[in-house]
C-alpha atoms as a PDB file:
ATOM      1  CA  MET A   1      26.605   0.623  -7.045  1.00  0.00           C
ATOM      2  CA  ALA A   2      23.160   2.068  -7.752  1.00  0.00           C
ATOM      3  CA  CYS A   3      22.595   5.739  -7.292  1.00  0.00           C
ATOM      4  CA  MET A   4      20.131   6.657  -4.543  1.00  0.00           C
ATOM      5  CA  SER A   5      18.085   8.835  -6.874  1.00  0.00           C
ATOM      6  CA  THR A   6      17.677   5.914  -9.324  1.00  0.00           C
ATOM      7  CA  ALA A   7      16.198   3.713  -6.589  1.00  0.00           C
ATOM      8  CA  HIS A   8      13.692   6.407  -5.660  1.00  0.00           C
ATOM      9  CA  ALA A   9      12.751   6.967  -9.286  1.00  0.00           C
ATOM     10  CA  ARG A  10      11.527   3.356  -9.528  1.00  0.00           C
ATOM     11  CA  GLU A  11       9.097   3.695  -6.611  1.00  0.00           C
ATOM     12  CA  ARG A  12       5.426   4.008  -7.473  1.00  0.00           C
ATOM     13  CA  PRO A  13       3.939   7.432  -6.864  1.00  0.00           C
ATOM     14  CA  ALA A  14       1.382   7.718  -4.102  1.00  0.00           C
ATOM     15  CA  GLY A  15      -2.176   7.601  -5.340  1.00  0.00           C
ATOM     16  CA  PRO A  16      -5.208   5.372  -5.674  1.00  0.00           C
ATOM     17  CA  PRO A  17      -4.534   1.648  -6.067  1.00  0.00           C
ATOM     18  CA  GLN A  18      -4.375   0.432  -9.636  1.00  0.00           C
ATOM     19  CA  ARG A  19      -7.091  -1.900 -10.867  1.00  0.00           C
ATOM     20  CA  SER A  20      -5.302  -5.109 -11.667  1.00  0.00           C
ATOM     21  CA  ARG A  21      -8.182  -7.009 -13.257  1.00  0.00           C
ATOM     22  CA  HIS A  22      -9.613  -6.326 -16.651  1.00  0.00           C
ATOM     23  CA  TRP A  23     -13.034  -4.666 -16.653  1.00  0.00           C
ATOM     24  CA  LEU A  24     -14.597  -7.646 -18.441  1.00  0.00           C
ATOM     25  CA  ALA A  25     -13.365 -10.079 -15.771  1.00  0.00           C
ATOM     26  CA  ARG A  26     -14.814  -7.850 -13.040  1.00  0.00           C
ATOM     27  CA  TRP A  27     -18.112  -7.589 -14.910  1.00  0.00           C
ATOM     28  CA  LEU A  28     -18.347 -11.346 -15.444  1.00  0.00           C
ATOM     29  CA  ASP A  29     -17.602 -11.927 -11.754  1.00  0.00           C
ATOM     30  CA  ARG A  30     -20.672  -9.956 -10.644  1.00  0.00           C
ATOM     31  CA  PRO A  31     -23.160 -12.872 -10.480  1.00  0.00           C
ATOM     32  CA  ARG A  32     -20.836 -14.745  -8.101  1.00  0.00           C
ATOM     33  CA  MET A  33     -20.412 -11.630  -5.970  1.00  0.00           C
ATOM     34  CA  TRP A  34     -24.180 -11.086  -5.890  1.00  0.00           C
ATOM     35  CA  ARG A  35     -24.822 -14.716  -4.812  1.00  0.00           C
ATOM     36  CA  GLU A  36     -22.265 -14.410  -2.003  1.00  0.00           C
ATOM     37  CA  ARG A  37     -23.668 -11.071  -0.861  1.00  0.00           C
ATOM     38  CA  SER A  38     -27.211 -12.450  -0.910  1.00  0.00           C
ATOM     39  CA  ALA A  39     -26.206 -15.535   1.115  1.00  0.00           C
ATOM     40  CA  TYR A  40     -24.350 -13.355   3.637  1.00  0.00           C
ATOM     41  CA  ARG A  41     -27.395 -11.127   4.102  1.00  0.00           C
ATOM     42  CA  ARG A  42     -29.763 -14.088   4.486  1.00  0.00           C
ATOM     43  CA  ALA A  43     -27.432 -15.509   7.166  1.00  0.00           C
ATOM     44  CA  LEU A  44     -27.381 -12.169   8.986  1.00  0.00           C
ATOM     45  CA  ALA A  45     -31.181 -12.059   8.946  1.00  0.00           C
ATOM     46  CA  ARG A  46     -31.334 -15.485  10.659  1.00  0.00           C
ATOM     47  CA  MET A  47     -28.875 -14.625  13.456  1.00  0.00           C
ATOM     48  CA  ASP A  48     -30.045 -13.692  16.943  1.00  0.00           C
ATOM     49  CA  ALA A  49     -28.541 -10.909  19.084  1.00  0.00           C
ATOM     50  CA  HIS A  50     -26.099 -13.294  20.795  1.00  0.00           C
ATOM     51  CA  LEU A  51     -24.596 -14.510  17.512  1.00  0.00           C
ATOM     52  CA  LEU A  52     -24.434 -10.982  16.120  1.00  0.00           C
ATOM     53  CA  ALA A  53     -22.553  -9.853  19.233  1.00  0.00           C
ATOM     54  CA  ASP A  54     -20.105 -12.725  18.717  1.00  0.00           C
ATOM     55  CA  ILE A  55     -19.171 -11.373  15.297  1.00  0.00           C
ATOM     56  CA  GLY A  56     -19.087  -7.773  16.518  1.00  0.00           C
ATOM     57  CA  LEU A  57     -22.334  -6.436  15.072  1.00  0.00           C
ATOM     58  CA  ASP A  58     -25.302  -4.852  16.786  1.00  0.00           C
ATOM     59  CA  GLU A  59     -28.833  -5.798  15.740  1.00  0.00           C
ATOM     60  CA  THR A  60     -29.599  -2.458  14.095  1.00  0.00           C
ATOM     61  CA  THR A  61     -26.562  -2.612  11.824  1.00  0.00           C
ATOM     62  CA  ALA A  62     -27.153  -6.266  10.960  1.00  0.00           C
ATOM     63  CA  ARG A  63     -30.837  -5.729  10.154  1.00  0.00           C
ATOM     64  CA  ALA A  64     -30.008  -2.726   7.958  1.00  0.00           C
ATOM     65  CA  GLU A  65     -27.410  -4.774   6.052  1.00  0.00           C
ATOM     66  CA  ALA A  66     -29.770  -7.743   5.690  1.00  0.00           C
ATOM     67  CA  ALA A  67     -32.502  -5.483   4.276  1.00  0.00           C
ATOM     68  CA  LYS A  68     -30.338  -4.232   1.390  1.00  0.00           C
ATOM     69  CA  PRO A  69     -30.909  -5.705  -2.072  1.00  0.00           C
ATOM     70  CA  PHE A  70     -28.172  -8.007  -3.376  1.00  0.00           C
ATOM     71  CA  TRP A  71     -26.868  -5.542  -5.952  1.00  0.00           C
ATOM     72  CA  LYS A  72     -26.103  -2.789  -3.422  1.00  0.00           C
ATOM     73  CA  ALA A  73     -22.706  -2.834  -1.772  1.00  0.00           C
END
């Protein structure tokens, strides 16, 4: 029978989430992320107020997001 203190010792301490991917993989993934972000922002720019309301955004927020350059999160 396992001791209660042993079970608690195996738990991860609270803190920021650990980065699971290697830095090189994240860096190499940037062009894909930038293309997706750019496509998302172009789509937002084409949407009218009715469509934006359907996805839960107001026009001001959507226009501000669409105006950002692709490299800014």
